């Protein structure tokens, strides 16, 4: 599996659930991580299953209801 494609897939799938946070280091430099998502563990496990069997393209994540739904 191509790591860049996997990362893009995860960002596209869970992007609307990205944690909105700024982190400052000891020198005051600000970092805004975009790789952290607020998603229930059960949804992550379900997404992993869909990624492994290739069906993830048939689904989308509904961040309001916190569930995976068919397209």
PDB file of N, CA and C in Angstrom:
ATOM      1  N   UNK A   1       0.843  -1.168   0.000  1.00  0.00           N
ATOM      2  CA  UNK A   1       0.000   0.000   0.000  1.00  0.00           C
ATOM      3  C   UNK A   1       0.897   1.242   0.000  1.00  0.00           C
ATOM      4  N   UNK A   2       0.566   2.179  -0.847  1.00  0.00           N
ATOM      5  CA  UNK A   2       1.312   3.427  -0.965  1.00  0.00           C
ATOM      6  C   UNK A   2       0.972   4.334   0.228  1.00  0.00           C
ATOM      7  N   UNK A   3       1.971   4.685   1.061  1.00  0.00           N
ATOM      8  CA  UNK A   3       1.683   5.485   2.253  1.00  0.00           C
ATOM      9  C   UNK A   3       1.092   6.866   1.940  1.00  0.00           C
ATOM     10  N   UNK A   4       1.531   7.492   0.860  1.00  0.00           N
ATOM     11  CA  UNK A   4       0.994   8.800   0.492  1.00  0.00           C
ATOM     12  C   UNK A   4      -0.473   8.706   0.078  1.00  0.00           C
ATOM     13  N   UNK A   5      -0.805   7.661  -0.668  1.00  0.00           N
ATOM     14  CA  UNK A   5      -2.197   7.470  -1.075  1.00  0.00           C
ATOM     15  C   UNK A   5      -3.079   7.146   0.121  1.00  0.00           C
ATOM     16  N   UNK A   6      -2.555   6.356   1.058  1.00  0.00           N
ATOM     17  CA  UNK A   6      -3.303   6.040   2.269  1.00  0.00           C
ATOM     18  C   UNK A   6      -3.553   7.310   3.081  1.00  0.00           C
ATOM     19  N   UNK A   7      -2.544   8.142   3.231  1.00  0.00           N
ATOM     20  CA  UNK A   7      -2.709   9.391   3.973  1.00  0.00           C
ATOM     21  C   UNK A   7      -3.752  10.284   3.306  1.00  0.00           C
ATOM     22  N   UNK A   8      -3.692  10.396   1.994  1.00  0.00           N
ATOM     23  CA  UNK A   8      -4.673  11.213   1.271  1.00  0.00           C
ATOM     24  C   UNK A   8      -6.086  10.646   1.436  1.00  0.00           C
ATOM     25  N   UNK A   9      -6.205   9.335   1.383  1.00  0.00           N
ATOM     26  CA  UNK A   9      -7.495   8.678   1.572  1.00  0.00           C
ATOM     27  C   UNK A   9      -8.068   8.993   2.953  1.00  0.00           C
ATOM     28  N   UNK A  10      -7.232   8.895   3.982  1.00  0.00           N
ATOM     29  CA  UNK A  10      -7.689   9.186   5.341  1.00  0.00           C
ATOM     30  C   UNK A  10      -8.094  10.646   5.508  1.00  0.00           C
ATOM     31  N   UNK A  11      -7.323  11.555   4.909  1.00  0.00           N
ATOM     32  CA  UNK A  11      -7.667  12.977   4.980  1.00  0.00           C
ATOM     33  C   UNK A  11      -8.970  13.270   4.250  1.00  0.00           C
ATOM     34  N   UNK A  12      -9.169  12.643   3.116  1.00  0.00           N
ATOM     35  CA  UNK A  12     -10.416  12.841   2.380  1.00  0.00           C
ATOM     36  C   UNK A  12     -11.606  12.262   3.140  1.00  0.00           C
ATOM     37  N   UNK A  13     -11.401  11.116   3.744  1.00  0.00           N
ATOM     38  CA  UNK A  13     -12.490  10.417   4.421  1.00  0.00           C
ATOM     39  C   UNK A  13     -12.866  11.083   5.743  1.00  0.00           C
ATOM     40  N   UNK A  14     -11.855  11.418   6.555  1.00  0.00           N
ATOM     41  CA  UNK A  14     -12.107  11.966   7.881  1.00  0.00           C
ATOM     42  C   UNK A  14     -11.821  13.466   7.988  1.00  0.00           C
ATOM     43  N   UNK A  15     -11.534  14.120   6.888  1.00  0.00           N
ATOM     44  CA  UNK A  15     -11.100  15.512   6.890  1.00  0.00           C
ATOM     45  C   UNK A  15     -12.003  16.480   7.619  1.00  0.00           C
ATOM     46  N   UNK A  16     -13.303  16.264   7.559  1.00  0.00           N
ATOM     47  CA  UNK A  16     -14.215  17.196   8.220  1.00  0.00           C
ATOM     48  C   UNK A  16     -14.269  16.964   9.733  1.00  0.00           C
ATOM     49  N   UNK A  17     -13.490  16.004  10.231  1.00  0.00           N
ATOM     50  CA  UNK A  17     -13.427  15.722  11.666  1.00  0.00           C
ATOM     51  C   UNK A  17     -12.041  15.996  12.233  1.00  0.00           C
ATOM     52  N   UNK A  18     -11.308  16.854  11.550  1.00  0.00           N
ATOM     53  CA  UNK A  18      -9.948  17.187  11.970  1.00  0.00           C
ATOM     54  C   UNK A  18      -9.987  17.983  13.274  1.00  0.00           C
ATOM     55  N   UNK A  19      -9.132  17.620  14.200  1.00  0.00           N
ATOM     56  CA  UNK A  19      -9.032  18.334  15.465  1.00  0.00           C
ATOM     57  C   UNK A  19      -8.467  19.722  15.192  1.00  0.00           C
ATOM     58  N   UNK A  20      -9.163  20.749  15.654  1.00  0.00           N
ATOM     59  CA  UNK A  20      -8.740  22.128  15.441  1.00  0.00           C
ATOM     60  C   UNK A  20      -7.983  22.588  16.683  1.00  0.00           C
ATOM     61  N   UNK A  21      -6.648  22.479  16.617  1.00  0.00           N
ATOM     62  CA  UNK A  21      -5.822  22.799  17.775  1.00  0.00           C
ATOM     63  C   UNK A  21      -4.496  23.390  17.308  1.00  0.00           C
ATOM     64  N   UNK A  22      -3.984  24.322  18.084  1.00  0.00           N
ATOM     65  CA  UNK A  22      -2.643  24.858  17.860  1.00  0.00           C
ATOM     66  C   UNK A  22      -1.783  24.441  19.039  1.00  0.00           C
ATOM     67  N   UNK A  23      -0.551  24.039  18.746  1.00  0.00           N
ATOM     68  CA  UNK A  23       0.393  23.626  19.772  1.00  0.00           C
ATOM     69  C   UNK A  23       1.611  24.526  19.655  1.00  0.00           C
ATOM     70  N   UNK A  24       2.086  25.009  20.782  1.00  0.00           N
ATOM     71  CA  UNK A  24       3.239  25.897  20.794  1.00  0.00           C
ATOM     72  C   UNK A  24       4.410  25.195  21.466  1.00  0.00           C
ATOM     73  N   UNK A  25       5.596  25.308  20.839  1.00  0.00           N
ATOM     74  CA  UNK A  25       6.780  24.715  21.452  1.00  0.00           C
ATOM     75  C   UNK A  25       7.369  25.694  22.461  1.00  0.00           C
ATOM     76  N   UNK A  26       8.480  25.311  23.075  1.00  0.00           N
ATOM     77  CA  UNK A  26       9.065  26.135  24.137  1.00  0.00           C
ATOM     78  C   UNK A  26       9.571  27.484  23.635  1.00  0.00           C
ATOM     79  N   UNK A  27       9.752  27.607  22.306  1.00  0.00           N
ATOM     80  CA  UNK A  27      10.199  28.872  21.716  1.00  0.00           C
ATOM     81  C   UNK A  27       9.037  29.708  21.187  1.00  0.00           C
ATOM     82  N   UNK A  28       7.821  29.240  21.431  1.00  0.00           N
ATOM     83  CA  UNK A  28       6.652  29.986  21.002  1.00  0.00           C
ATOM     84  C   UNK A  28       6.226  29.733  19.562  1.00  0.00           C
ATOM     85  N   UNK A  29       6.888  28.800  18.870  1.00  0.00           N
ATOM     86  CA  UNK A  29       6.487  28.479  17.494  1.00  0.00           C
ATOM     87  C   UNK A  29       5.191  27.685  17.518  1.00  0.00           C
ATOM     88  N   UNK A  30       4.292  28.080  16.645  1.00  0.00           N
ATOM     89  CA  UNK A  30       2.980  27.440  16.582  1.00  0.00           C
ATOM     90  C   UNK A  30       2.980  26.300  15.572  1.00  0.00           C
ATOM     91  N   UNK A  31       2.366  25.196  15.959  1.00  0.00           N
ATOM     92  CA  UNK A  31       2.170  24.055  15.079  1.00  0.00           C
ATOM     93  C   UNK A  31       0.677  23.736  15.059  1.00  0.00           C
ATOM     94  N   UNK A  32       0.163  23.463  13.865  1.00  0.00           N
ATOM     95  CA  UNK A  32      -1.247  23.116  13.712  1.00  0.00           C
ATOM     96  C   UNK A  32      -1.329  21.748  13.037  1.00  0.00           C
ATOM     97  N   UNK A  33      -1.419  20.682  13.837  1.00  0.00           N
ATOM     98  CA  UNK A  33      -1.472  19.340  13.249  1.00  0.00           C
ATOM     99  C   UNK A  33      -2.760  19.132  12.463  1.00  0.00           C
ATOM    100  N   UNK A  34      -2.648  18.494  11.326  1.00  0.00           N
ATOM    101  CA  UNK A  34      -3.818  18.174  10.505  1.00  0.00           C
ATOM    102  C   UNK A  34      -4.003  16.668  10.373  1.00  0.00           C
ATOM    103  N   UNK A  35      -3.232  15.917  11.133  1.00  0.00           N
ATOM    104  CA  UNK A  35      -3.305  14.461  11.070  1.00  0.00           C
ATOM    105  C   UNK A  35      -4.112  13.878  12.218  1.00  0.00           C
ATOM    106  N   UNK A  36      -4.688  14.725  13.053  1.00  0.00           N
ATOM    107  CA  UNK A  36      -5.446  14.258  14.213  1.00  0.00           C
ATOM    108  C   UNK A  36      -6.926  14.424  13.935  1.00  0.00           C
ATOM    109  N   UNK A  37      -7.672  13.352  14.109  1.00  0.00           N
ATOM    110  CA  UNK A  37      -9.102  13.360  13.822  1.00  0.00           C
ATOM    111  C   UNK A  37      -9.889  12.977  15.075  1.00  0.00           C
ATOM    112  N   UNK A  38     -11.056  13.551  15.235  1.00  0.00           N
ATOM    113  CA  UNK A  38     -11.943  13.214  16.335  1.00  0.00           C
ATOM    114  C   UNK A  38     -12.993  12.243  15.797  1.00  0.00           C
ATOM    115  N   UNK A  39     -12.735  10.969  16.012  1.00  0.00           N
ATOM    116  CA  UNK A  39     -13.579   9.915  15.453  1.00  0.00           C
ATOM    117  C   UNK A  39     -13.657   8.782  16.481  1.00  0.00           C
ATOM    118  N   UNK A  40     -14.836   8.206  16.715  1.00  0.00           N
ATOM    119  CA  UNK A  40     -14.945   7.078  17.646  1.00  0.00           C
ATOM    120  C   UNK A  40     -14.101   5.878  17.186  1.00  0.00           C
ATOM    121  N   UNK A  41     -13.549   5.165  18.139  1.00  0.00           N
ATOM    122  CA  UNK A  41     -12.715   4.000  17.833  1.00  0.00           C
ATOM    123  C   UNK A  41     -13.457   2.986  16.974  1.00  0.00           C
ATOM    124  N   UNK A  42     -14.724   2.764  17.235  1.00  0.00           N
ATOM    125  CA  UNK A  42     -15.487   1.785  16.449  1.00  0.00           C
ATOM    126  C   UNK A  42     -15.567   2.193  14.978  1.00  0.00           C
ATOM    127  N   UNK A  43     -15.615   3.493  14.714  1.00  0.00           N
ATOM    128  CA  UNK A  43     -15.654   3.984  13.333  1.00  0.00           C
ATOM    129  C   UNK A  43     -14.288   3.790  12.679  1.00  0.00           C
ATOM    130  N   UNK A  44     -13.223   4.021  13.428  1.00  0.00           N
ATOM    131  CA  UNK A  44     -11.874   3.791  12.897  1.00  0.00           C
ATOM    132  C   UNK A  44     -11.700   2.317  12.532  1.00  0.00           C
ATOM    133  N   UNK A  45     -12.161   1.435  13.404  1.00  0.00           N
ATOM    134  CA  UNK A  45     -12.055  -0.005  13.126  1.00  0.00           C
ATOM    135  C   UNK A  45     -12.853  -0.379  11.887  1.00  0.00           C
ATOM    136  N   UNK A  46     -14.020   0.207  11.733  1.00  0.00           N
ATOM    137  CA  UNK A  46     -14.847  -0.058  10.553  1.00  0.00           C
ATOM    138  C   UNK A  46     -14.158   0.480   9.298  1.00  0.00           C
ATOM    139  N   UNK A  47     -13.571   1.657   9.383  1.00  0.00           N
ATOM    140  CA  UNK A  47     -12.864   2.242   8.240  1.00  0.00           C
ATOM    141  C   UNK A  47     -11.665   1.382   7.837  1.00  0.00           C
ATOM    142  N   UNK A  48     -10.939   0.856   8.816  1.00  0.00           N
ATOM    143  CA  UNK A  48      -9.804  -0.031   8.518  1.00  0.00           C
ATOM    144  C   UNK A  48     -10.284  -1.241   7.733  1.00  0.00           C
ATOM    145  N   UNK A  49     -11.379  -1.828   8.162  1.00  0.00           N
ATOM    146  CA  UNK A  49     -11.953  -2.978   7.460  1.00  0.00           C
ATOM    147  C   UNK A  49     -12.254  -2.615   6.000  1.00  0.00           C
ATOM    148  N   UNK A  50     -12.892  -1.456   5.784  1.00  0.00           N
ATOM    149  CA  UNK A  50     -13.232  -1.029   4.422  1.00  0.00           C
ATOM    150  C   UNK A  50     -11.991  -0.707   3.591  1.00  0.00           C
ATOM    151  N   UNK A  51     -10.961  -0.173   4.220  1.00  0.00           N
ATOM    152  CA  UNK A  51      -9.715   0.114   3.503  1.00  0.00           C
ATOM    153  C   UNK A  51      -9.078  -1.194   3.045  1.00  0.00           C
ATOM    154  N   UNK A  52      -8.999  -2.164   3.951  1.00  0.00           N
ATOM    155  CA  UNK A  52      -8.343  -3.433   3.629  1.00  0.00           C
ATOM    156  C   UNK A  52      -9.069  -4.217   2.539  1.00  0.00           C
ATOM    157  N   UNK A  53     -10.406  -4.138   2.507  1.00  0.00           N
ATOM    158  CA  UNK A  53     -11.114  -4.892   1.463  1.00  0.00           C
ATOM    159  C   UNK A  53     -11.430  -4.038   0.233  1.00  0.00           C
ATOM    160  N   UNK A  54     -10.976  -2.774   0.235  1.00  0.00           N
ATOM    161  CA  UNK A  54     -11.124  -1.919  -0.940  1.00  0.00           C
ATOM    162  C   UNK A  54     -12.478  -1.263  -1.097  1.00  0.00           C
ATOM    163  N   UNK A  55     -13.361  -1.415  -0.117  1.00  0.00           N
ATOM    164  CA  UNK A  55     -14.711  -0.872  -0.227  1.00  0.00           C
ATOM    165  C   UNK A  55     -14.846   0.555   0.300  1.00  0.00           C
ATOM    166  N   UNK A  56     -13.772   1.133   0.822  1.00  0.00           N
ATOM    167  CA  UNK A  56     -13.839   2.459   1.425  1.00  0.00           C
ATOM    168  C   UNK A  56     -14.348   3.511   0.436  1.00  0.00           C
ATOM    169  N   UNK A  57     -14.116   3.313  -0.852  1.00  0.00           N
ATOM    170  CA  UNK A  57     -14.561   4.289  -1.860  1.00  0.00           C
ATOM    171  C   UNK A  57     -16.079   4.318  -2.001  1.00  0.00           C
ATOM    172  N   UNK A  58     -16.752   3.321  -1.451  1.00  0.00           N
ATOM    173  CA  UNK A  58     -18.212   3.258  -1.521  1.00  0.00           C
ATOM    174  C   UNK A  58     -18.886   3.922  -0.323  1.00  0.00           C
ATOM    175  N   UNK A  59     -18.085   4.488   0.577  1.00  0.00           N
ATOM    176  CA  UNK A  59     -18.617   5.040   1.819  1.00  0.00           C
ATOM    177  C   UNK A  59     -18.087   6.443   2.072  1.00  0.00           C
ATOM    178  N   UNK A  60     -18.758   7.125   2.982  1.00  0.00           N
ATOM    179  CA  UNK A  60     -18.339   8.439   3.440  1.00  0.00           C
ATOM    180  C   UNK A  60     -18.565   8.505   4.938  1.00  0.00           C
ATOM    181  N   UNK A  61     -17.861   9.406   5.606  1.00  0.00           N
ATOM    182  CA  UNK A  61     -18.019   9.555   7.053  1.00  0.00           C
ATOM    183  C   UNK A  61     -18.924  10.746   7.342  1.00  0.00           C
ATOM    184  N   UNK A  62     -19.974  10.495   8.095  1.00  0.00           N
ATOM    185  CA  UNK A  62     -20.892  11.545   8.519  1.00  0.00           C
ATOM    186  C   UNK A  62     -20.442  12.005   9.908  1.00  0.00           C
ATOM    187  N   UNK A  63     -19.768  13.160   9.961  1.00  0.00           N
ATOM    188  CA  UNK A  63     -19.207  13.631  11.222  1.00  0.00           C
ATOM    189  C   UNK A  63     -20.275  14.103  12.208  1.00  0.00           C
ATOM    190  N   UNK A  64     -21.425  14.506  11.712  1.00  0.00           N
ATOM    191  CA  UNK A  64     -22.503  14.934  12.609  1.00  0.00           C
ATOM    192  C   UNK A  64     -23.065  13.748  13.398  1.00  0.00           C
ATOM    193  N   UNK A  65     -23.303  12.648  12.692  1.00  0.00           N
ATOM    194  CA  UNK A  65     -23.854  11.450  13.346  1.00  0.00           C
ATOM    195  C   UNK A  65     -22.771  10.504  13.835  1.00  0.00           C
ATOM    196  N   UNK A  66     -21.519  10.770  13.432  1.00  0.00           N
ATOM    197  CA  UNK A  66     -20.361   9.958  13.786  1.00  0.00           C
ATOM    198  C   UNK A  66     -20.525   8.504  13.360  1.00  0.00           C
ATOM    199  N   UNK A  67     -20.939   8.334  12.098  1.00  0.00           N
ATOM    200  CA  UNK A  67     -21.075   6.994  11.517  1.00  0.00           C
ATOM    201  C   UNK A  67     -20.596   7.011  10.073  1.00  0.00           C
ATOM    202  N   UNK A  68     -20.269   5.836   9.574  1.00  0.00           N
ATOM    203  CA  UNK A  68     -19.933   5.661   8.159  1.00  0.00           C
ATOM    204  C   UNK A  68     -21.210   5.303   7.441  1.00  0.00           C
ATOM    205  N   UNK A  69     -21.459   5.973   6.318  1.00  0.00           N
ATOM    206  CA  UNK A  69     -22.669   5.738   5.530  1.00  0.00           C
ATOM    207  C   UNK A  69     -22.295   5.455   4.083  1.00  0.00           C
ATOM    208  N   UNK A  70     -23.146   4.708   3.405  1.00  0.00           N
ATOM    209  CA  UNK A  70     -22.942   4.437   1.983  1.00  0.00           C
ATOM    210  C   UNK A  70     -23.147   5.683   1.158  1.00  0.00           C
ATOM    211  N   UNK A  71     -22.451   5.730   0.034  1.00  0.00           N
ATOM    212  CA  UNK A  71     -22.595   6.886  -0.872  1.00  0.00           C
ATOM    213  C   UNK A  71     -23.870   6.799  -1.661  1.00  0.00           C
TER     214      UNK A  71
END
